[in-house]
Amino acid sequence: MAQEQAQDETERQAAEHRAEPLQHRHGDGADQVQRLTVSEIFPIEIRAEALAVFFAIAQVVGAVGPAFYGVLIGNGASRTGLAIGYVVGGGIMIIGGLVEIVFGIDAEGKPLEQIAAPLTVIDG
């Protein structure tokens, strides 16, 4: 009996170990959005505060998300609500891309100091 439990435990640990790279690679979607939202063009002091704000927002959205998708899915008889949810989500992402095209800063290949000076720099 103890040997069977040890073997089951070993198999469970092996399964978790195999799944671990997938968990780390994909991560939490809200976490990825949060990191993309706070660009390196901002001074580090502002980035830290912005990350905290977006983390709090992501926690609220993450708590409401399952209930929201439950409403969209309903009893599963119709896929219309879920399809509308995906279209709205896609539209929001397209709007975000357009905002980046209009207001984004060209930071490719430039050092951070050239894009935005830290707040601790003394002009003189």
N, C-alpha and C. Protein backbone atom coordinates (compact mmCIF):
# COMPACT_ATOMS: atom_id res chain seq x y z
N MET A 1 0.82 -1.19 0.00
CA MET A 1 0.00 0.00 0.00
C MET A 1 0.86 1.26 0.00
N ALA A 2 1.87 1.29 0.88
CA ALA A 2 2.75 2.45 0.95
C ALA A 2 3.55 2.59 -0.34
N GLN A 3 3.91 1.46 -0.94
CA GLN A 3 4.68 1.50 -2.19
C GLN A 3 3.82 2.07 -3.33
N GLU A 4 2.53 1.71 -3.36
CA GLU A 4 1.62 2.24 -4.38
C GLU A 4 1.44 3.74 -4.22
N GLN A 5 1.32 4.20 -2.97
CA GLN A 5 1.18 5.64 -2.72
C GLN A 5 2.42 6.40 -3.14
N ALA A 6 3.58 5.83 -2.87
CA ALA A 6 4.84 6.47 -3.27
C ALA A 6 4.94 6.53 -4.78
N GLN A 7 4.50 5.47 -5.47
CA GLN A 7 4.55 5.46 -6.93
C GLN A 7 3.57 6.49 -7.50
N ASP A 8 2.36 6.58 -6.90
CA ASP A 8 1.38 7.57 -7.34
C ASP A 8 1.92 8.99 -7.15
N GLU A 9 2.58 9.22 -6.02
CA GLU A 9 3.17 10.53 -5.74
C GLU A 9 4.26 10.86 -6.75
N THR A 10 5.08 9.88 -7.09
CA THR A 10 6.15 10.07 -8.07
C THR A 10 5.57 10.40 -9.44
N GLU A 11 4.50 9.70 -9.83
CA GLU A 11 3.85 9.98 -11.12
C GLU A 11 3.23 11.36 -11.14
N ARG A 12 2.62 11.76 -10.01
CA ARG A 12 2.02 13.09 -9.93
C ARG A 12 3.09 14.17 -10.07
N GLN A 13 4.21 13.99 -9.38
CA GLN A 13 5.30 14.97 -9.46
C GLN A 13 5.87 15.03 -10.87
N ALA A 14 5.98 13.90 -11.53
CA ALA A 14 6.50 13.87 -12.90
C ALA A 14 5.54 14.62 -13.83
N ALA A 15 4.24 14.44 -13.64
CA ALA A 15 3.26 15.15 -14.47
C ALA A 15 3.34 16.65 -14.25
N GLU A 16 3.49 17.07 -12.99
CA GLU A 16 3.63 18.50 -12.69
C GLU A 16 4.91 19.05 -13.32
N HIS A 17 5.96 18.26 -13.27
CA HIS A 17 7.24 18.70 -13.84
C HIS A 17 7.13 18.88 -15.35
N ARG A 18 6.40 17.98 -16.02
CA ARG A 18 6.22 18.10 -17.47
C ARG A 18 5.37 19.31 -17.81
N ALA A 19 4.40 19.64 -16.98
CA ALA A 19 3.50 20.76 -17.25
C ALA A 19 4.12 22.11 -16.88
N GLU A 20 5.16 22.11 -16.06
CA GLU A 20 5.75 23.35 -15.57
C GLU A 20 6.22 24.30 -16.68
N PRO A 21 6.93 23.84 -17.72
CA PRO A 21 7.35 24.78 -18.77
C PRO A 21 6.17 25.46 -19.45
N LEU A 22 5.06 24.76 -19.60
CA LEU A 22 3.89 25.37 -20.23
C LEU A 22 3.33 26.48 -19.35
N GLN A 23 3.31 26.26 -18.05
CA GLN A 23 2.79 27.27 -17.15
C GLN A 23 3.66 28.51 -17.16
N HIS A 24 4.96 28.33 -17.17
CA HIS A 24 5.86 29.48 -17.15
C HIS A 24 5.90 30.19 -18.49
N ARG A 25 5.79 29.44 -19.57
CA ARG A 25 5.88 30.03 -20.90
C ARG A 25 4.67 30.93 -21.17
N HIS A 26 3.49 30.46 -20.82
CA HIS A 26 2.29 31.21 -21.16
C HIS A 26 1.91 32.20 -20.08
N GLY A 27 2.07 31.82 -18.85
CA GLY A 27 1.80 32.73 -17.74
C GLY A 27 0.37 33.23 -17.70
N ASP A 28 0.15 34.19 -16.89
CA ASP A 28 -1.16 34.79 -16.72
C ASP A 28 -1.31 35.91 -17.73
N GLY A 29 -2.40 35.91 -18.47
CA GLY A 29 -2.60 36.92 -19.51
C GLY A 29 -2.58 38.33 -18.96
N ALA A 30 -3.19 38.53 -17.81
CA ALA A 30 -3.22 39.87 -17.22
C ALA A 30 -1.81 40.33 -16.87
N ASP A 31 -0.98 39.42 -16.42
CA ASP A 31 0.39 39.77 -16.09
C ASP A 31 1.13 40.24 -17.34
N GLN A 32 0.92 39.57 -18.45
CA GLN A 32 1.59 39.96 -19.70
C GLN A 32 1.12 41.34 -20.16
N VAL A 33 -0.17 41.58 -20.08
CA VAL A 33 -0.69 42.89 -20.48
C VAL A 33 -0.14 43.97 -19.57
N GLN A 34 -0.07 43.68 -18.29
CA GLN A 34 0.44 44.66 -17.33
C GLN A 34 1.86 45.05 -17.70
N ARG A 35 2.69 44.10 -18.04
CA ARG A 35 4.08 44.40 -18.37
C ARG A 35 4.21 45.15 -19.69
N LEU A 36 3.33 44.86 -20.63
CA LEU A 36 3.37 45.58 -21.90
C LEU A 36 2.88 47.02 -21.75
N THR A 37 1.99 47.23 -20.80
CA THR A 37 1.39 48.55 -20.63
C THR A 37 2.41 49.56 -20.12
N VAL A 38 3.31 49.13 -19.27
CA VAL A 38 4.28 50.04 -18.67
C VAL A 38 5.58 49.93 -19.44
N SER A 39 5.74 50.79 -20.40
CA SER A 39 6.89 50.75 -21.30
C SER A 39 8.15 51.28 -20.62
N GLU A 40 9.26 50.93 -21.20
CA GLU A 40 10.54 51.40 -20.66
C GLU A 40 10.84 52.84 -21.03
N ILE A 41 9.95 53.48 -21.76
CA ILE A 41 10.20 54.89 -22.09
C ILE A 41 9.92 55.80 -20.89
N PHE A 42 9.25 55.27 -19.87
CA PHE A 42 8.97 56.06 -18.69
C PHE A 42 10.09 55.90 -17.67
N PRO A 43 10.38 56.92 -16.90
CA PRO A 43 11.39 56.79 -15.84
C PRO A 43 11.00 55.67 -14.88
N ILE A 44 12.00 55.05 -14.29
CA ILE A 44 11.79 53.87 -13.46
C ILE A 44 10.86 54.14 -12.28
N GLU A 45 10.90 55.35 -11.74
CA GLU A 45 10.04 55.68 -10.60
C GLU A 45 8.57 55.64 -11.00
N ILE A 46 8.27 56.11 -12.18
CA ILE A 46 6.88 56.12 -12.66
C ILE A 46 6.44 54.71 -13.04
N ARG A 47 7.35 53.94 -13.63
CA ARG A 47 7.02 52.57 -14.02
C ARG A 47 6.60 51.74 -12.82
N ALA A 48 7.29 51.87 -11.70
CA ALA A 48 6.96 51.10 -10.51
C ALA A 48 5.55 51.42 -10.02
N GLU A 49 5.20 52.67 -10.03
CA GLU A 49 3.86 53.07 -9.59
C GLU A 49 2.80 52.60 -10.58
N ALA A 50 3.10 52.73 -11.86
CA ALA A 50 2.14 52.29 -12.89
C ALA A 50 1.92 50.78 -12.83
N LEU A 51 2.98 50.01 -12.59
CA LEU A 51 2.83 48.56 -12.46
C LEU A 51 1.89 48.22 -11.30
N ALA A 52 2.00 48.94 -10.21
CA ALA A 52 1.13 48.69 -9.06
C ALA A 52 -0.33 48.99 -9.41
N VAL A 53 -0.56 50.07 -10.11
CA VAL A 53 -1.94 50.44 -10.50
C VAL A 53 -2.51 49.39 -11.44
N PHE A 54 -1.74 49.01 -12.48
CA PHE A 54 -2.25 48.02 -13.44
C PHE A 54 -2.40 46.65 -12.80
N PHE A 55 -1.57 46.33 -11.81
CA PHE A 55 -1.73 45.06 -11.09
C PHE A 55 -3.06 45.05 -10.36
N ALA A 56 -3.40 46.15 -9.70
CA ALA A 56 -4.67 46.22 -8.97
C ALA A 56 -5.85 46.10 -9.93
N ILE A 57 -5.76 46.77 -11.07
CA ILE A 57 -6.83 46.67 -12.07
C ILE A 57 -6.95 45.24 -12.58
N ALA A 58 -5.82 44.60 -12.84
CA ALA A 58 -5.83 43.23 -13.34
C ALA A 58 -6.44 42.27 -12.32
N GLN A 59 -6.23 42.51 -11.04
CA GLN A 59 -6.82 41.66 -10.01
C GLN A 59 -8.34 41.76 -10.02
N VAL A 60 -8.86 42.97 -10.18
CA VAL A 60 -10.31 43.16 -10.23
C VAL A 60 -10.89 42.49 -11.48
N VAL A 61 -10.26 42.72 -12.62
CA VAL A 61 -10.73 42.11 -13.87
C VAL A 61 -10.64 40.59 -13.78
N GLY A 62 -9.58 40.09 -13.19
CA GLY A 62 -9.43 38.65 -13.04
C GLY A 62 -10.49 38.04 -12.14
N ALA A 63 -10.95 38.79 -11.16
CA ALA A 63 -11.99 38.30 -10.27
C ALA A 63 -13.36 38.31 -10.94
N VAL A 64 -13.60 39.27 -11.81
CA VAL A 64 -14.89 39.41 -12.47
C VAL A 64 -14.95 38.55 -13.75
N GLY A 65 -13.80 38.24 -14.33
CA GLY A 65 -13.75 37.53 -15.61
C GLY A 65 -14.54 36.24 -15.68
N PRO A 66 -14.39 35.33 -14.73
CA PRO A 66 -15.15 34.08 -14.82
C PRO A 66 -16.67 34.29 -14.83
N ALA A 67 -17.16 35.22 -14.03
CA ALA A 67 -18.60 35.50 -14.04
C ALA A 67 -19.03 36.10 -15.38
N PHE A 68 -18.18 36.98 -15.93
CA PHE A 68 -18.47 37.61 -17.22
C PHE A 68 -18.57 36.56 -18.32
N TYR A 69 -17.58 35.66 -18.38
CA TYR A 69 -17.62 34.62 -19.40
C TYR A 69 -18.76 33.64 -19.15
N GLY A 70 -19.12 33.42 -17.90
CA GLY A 70 -20.28 32.58 -17.61
C GLY A 70 -21.54 33.16 -18.20
N VAL A 71 -21.69 34.48 -18.11
CA VAL A 71 -22.85 35.15 -18.70
C VAL A 71 -22.80 35.04 -20.22
N LEU A 72 -21.63 35.23 -20.81
CA LEU A 72 -21.50 35.14 -22.27
C LEU A 72 -21.82 33.73 -22.78
N ILE A 73 -21.37 32.73 -22.06
CA ILE A 73 -21.59 31.35 -22.49
C ILE A 73 -23.03 30.94 -22.22
N GLY A 74 -23.61 31.40 -21.12
CA GLY A 74 -24.98 31.04 -20.78
C GLY A 74 -25.12 29.56 -20.53
N ASN A 75 -26.15 28.95 -21.09
CA ASN A 75 -26.34 27.51 -20.91
C ASN A 75 -25.70 26.70 -22.04
N GLY A 76 -25.04 27.38 -22.96
CA GLY A 76 -24.34 26.70 -24.06
C GLY A 76 -25.20 26.45 -25.28
N ALA A 77 -26.47 26.84 -25.23
CA ALA A 77 -27.37 26.59 -26.35
C ALA A 77 -27.04 27.48 -27.55
N SER A 78 -26.55 28.70 -27.28
CA SER A 78 -26.24 29.63 -28.35
C SER A 78 -24.82 30.15 -28.17
N ARG A 79 -24.09 30.24 -29.25
CA ARG A 79 -22.72 30.75 -29.21
C ARG A 79 -22.64 32.24 -29.50
N THR A 80 -23.77 32.86 -29.72
CA THR A 80 -23.81 34.27 -30.12
C THR A 80 -23.18 35.17 -29.07
N GLY A 81 -23.52 34.99 -27.81
CA GLY A 81 -22.99 35.86 -26.75
C GLY A 81 -21.48 35.77 -26.67
N LEU A 82 -20.94 34.55 -26.75
CA LEU A 82 -19.49 34.38 -26.69
C LEU A 82 -18.82 34.98 -27.91
N ALA A 83 -19.43 34.80 -29.08
CA ALA A 83 -18.87 35.38 -30.31
C ALA A 83 -18.84 36.90 -30.21
N ILE A 84 -19.90 37.48 -29.69
CA ILE A 84 -19.93 38.94 -29.52
C ILE A 84 -18.84 39.38 -28.55
N GLY A 85 -18.64 38.61 -27.48
CA GLY A 85 -17.57 38.93 -26.52
C GLY A 85 -16.20 38.93 -27.17
N TYR A 86 -15.94 37.93 -28.03
CA TYR A 86 -14.65 37.88 -28.71
C TYR A 86 -14.50 39.02 -29.72
N VAL A 87 -15.57 39.38 -30.41
CA VAL A 87 -15.51 40.50 -31.36
C VAL A 87 -15.23 41.81 -30.62
N VAL A 88 -15.90 42.01 -29.49
CA VAL A 88 -15.67 43.22 -28.69
C VAL A 88 -14.22 43.25 -28.18
N GLY A 89 -13.75 42.11 -27.67
CA GLY A 89 -12.35 42.03 -27.21
C GLY A 89 -11.37 42.32 -28.33
N GLY A 90 -11.62 41.75 -29.50
CA GLY A 90 -10.75 42.02 -30.65
C GLY A 90 -10.79 43.48 -31.06
N GLY A 91 -11.96 44.09 -31.00
CA GLY A 91 -12.09 45.51 -31.32
C GLY A 91 -11.31 46.38 -30.36
N ILE A 92 -11.34 46.03 -29.09
CA ILE A 92 -10.57 46.78 -28.09
C ILE A 92 -9.08 46.67 -28.39
N MET A 93 -8.63 45.47 -28.78
CA MET A 93 -7.21 45.30 -29.11
C MET A 93 -6.82 46.09 -30.36
N ILE A 94 -7.70 46.15 -31.33
CA ILE A 94 -7.43 46.93 -32.54
C ILE A 94 -7.33 48.41 -32.18
N ILE A 95 -8.23 48.89 -31.33
CA ILE A 95 -8.17 50.30 -30.90
C ILE A 95 -6.84 50.56 -30.18
N GLY A 96 -6.42 49.63 -29.33
CA GLY A 96 -5.13 49.78 -28.64
C GLY A 96 -3.98 49.86 -29.62
N GLY A 97 -4.02 49.05 -30.68
CA GLY A 97 -2.98 49.10 -31.70
C GLY A 97 -2.97 50.43 -32.44
N LEU A 98 -4.15 50.95 -32.74
CA LEU A 98 -4.23 52.25 -33.42
C LEU A 98 -3.71 53.38 -32.53
N VAL A 99 -4.01 53.30 -31.23
CA VAL A 99 -3.48 54.30 -30.30
C VAL A 99 -1.96 54.25 -30.29
N GLU A 100 -1.40 53.03 -30.31
CA GLU A 100 0.07 52.89 -30.35
C GLU A 100 0.65 53.47 -31.63
N ILE A 101 -0.02 53.25 -32.75
CA ILE A 101 0.48 53.80 -34.03
C ILE A 101 0.49 55.32 -33.98
N VAL A 102 -0.54 55.92 -33.41
CA VAL A 102 -0.64 57.38 -33.38
C VAL A 102 0.28 57.99 -32.32
N PHE A 103 0.28 57.45 -31.11
CA PHE A 103 0.98 58.07 -29.99
C PHE A 103 2.28 57.37 -29.59
N GLY A 104 2.59 56.24 -30.18
CA GLY A 104 3.77 55.47 -29.78
C GLY A 104 5.07 56.20 -30.06
N ILE A 105 6.07 55.87 -29.29
CA ILE A 105 7.39 56.49 -29.43
C ILE A 105 8.32 55.49 -30.09
N ASP A 106 9.06 55.92 -31.08
CA ASP A 106 10.02 55.06 -31.77
C ASP A 106 11.24 54.88 -30.88
N ALA A 107 11.32 53.73 -30.24
CA ALA A 107 12.39 53.50 -29.27
C ALA A 107 13.33 52.37 -29.71
N GLU A 108 13.18 51.90 -30.94
CA GLU A 108 14.00 50.77 -31.40
C GLU A 108 15.48 51.14 -31.46
N GLY A 109 16.29 50.32 -30.81
CA GLY A 109 17.74 50.47 -30.89
C GLY A 109 18.29 51.69 -30.17
N LYS A 110 17.48 52.38 -29.40
CA LYS A 110 17.94 53.57 -28.69
C LYS A 110 18.15 53.25 -27.22
N PRO A 111 19.19 53.80 -26.59
CA PRO A 111 19.36 53.59 -25.15
C PRO A 111 18.26 54.33 -24.37
N LEU A 112 17.94 53.82 -23.20
CA LEU A 112 16.89 54.41 -22.39
C LEU A 112 17.15 55.88 -22.07
N GLU A 113 18.41 56.22 -21.85
CA GLU A 113 18.74 57.60 -21.51
C GLU A 113 18.38 58.57 -22.65
N GLN A 114 18.41 58.07 -23.88
CA GLN A 114 18.08 58.92 -25.03
C GLN A 114 16.57 59.09 -25.16
N ILE A 115 15.80 58.12 -24.65
CA ILE A 115 14.34 58.16 -24.79
C ILE A 115 13.72 58.95 -23.64
N ALA A 116 14.12 58.64 -22.41
CA ALA A 116 13.57 59.32 -21.23
C ALA A 116 14.61 59.32 -20.12
N ALA A 117 14.93 60.49 -19.64
CA ALA A 117 15.91 60.60 -18.55
C ALA A 117 15.26 60.20 -17.23
N PRO A 118 16.02 59.57 -16.33
CA PRO A 118 15.46 59.25 -15.00
C PRO A 118 15.09 60.53 -14.25
N LEU A 119 14.12 60.43 -13.35
CA LEU A 119 13.69 61.60 -12.58
C LEU A 119 14.78 62.10 -11.66
N THR A 120 15.75 61.25 -11.34
CA THR A 120 16.82 61.66 -10.42
C THR A 120 17.92 62.46 -11.09
N VAL A 121 17.85 62.62 -12.41
CA VAL A 121 18.87 63.39 -13.13
C VAL A 121 18.70 64.86 -12.79
N ILE A 122 19.80 65.52 -12.48
CA ILE A 122 19.79 66.95 -12.15
C ILE A 122 20.20 67.73 -13.39
N ASP A 123 19.30 68.61 -13.81
CA ASP A 123 19.63 69.45 -14.97
C ASP A 123 20.60 70.52 -14.51
N GLY A 124 21.63 70.71 -15.31
CA GLY A 124 22.58 71.72 -14.84
C GLY A 124 23.44 72.28 -15.88
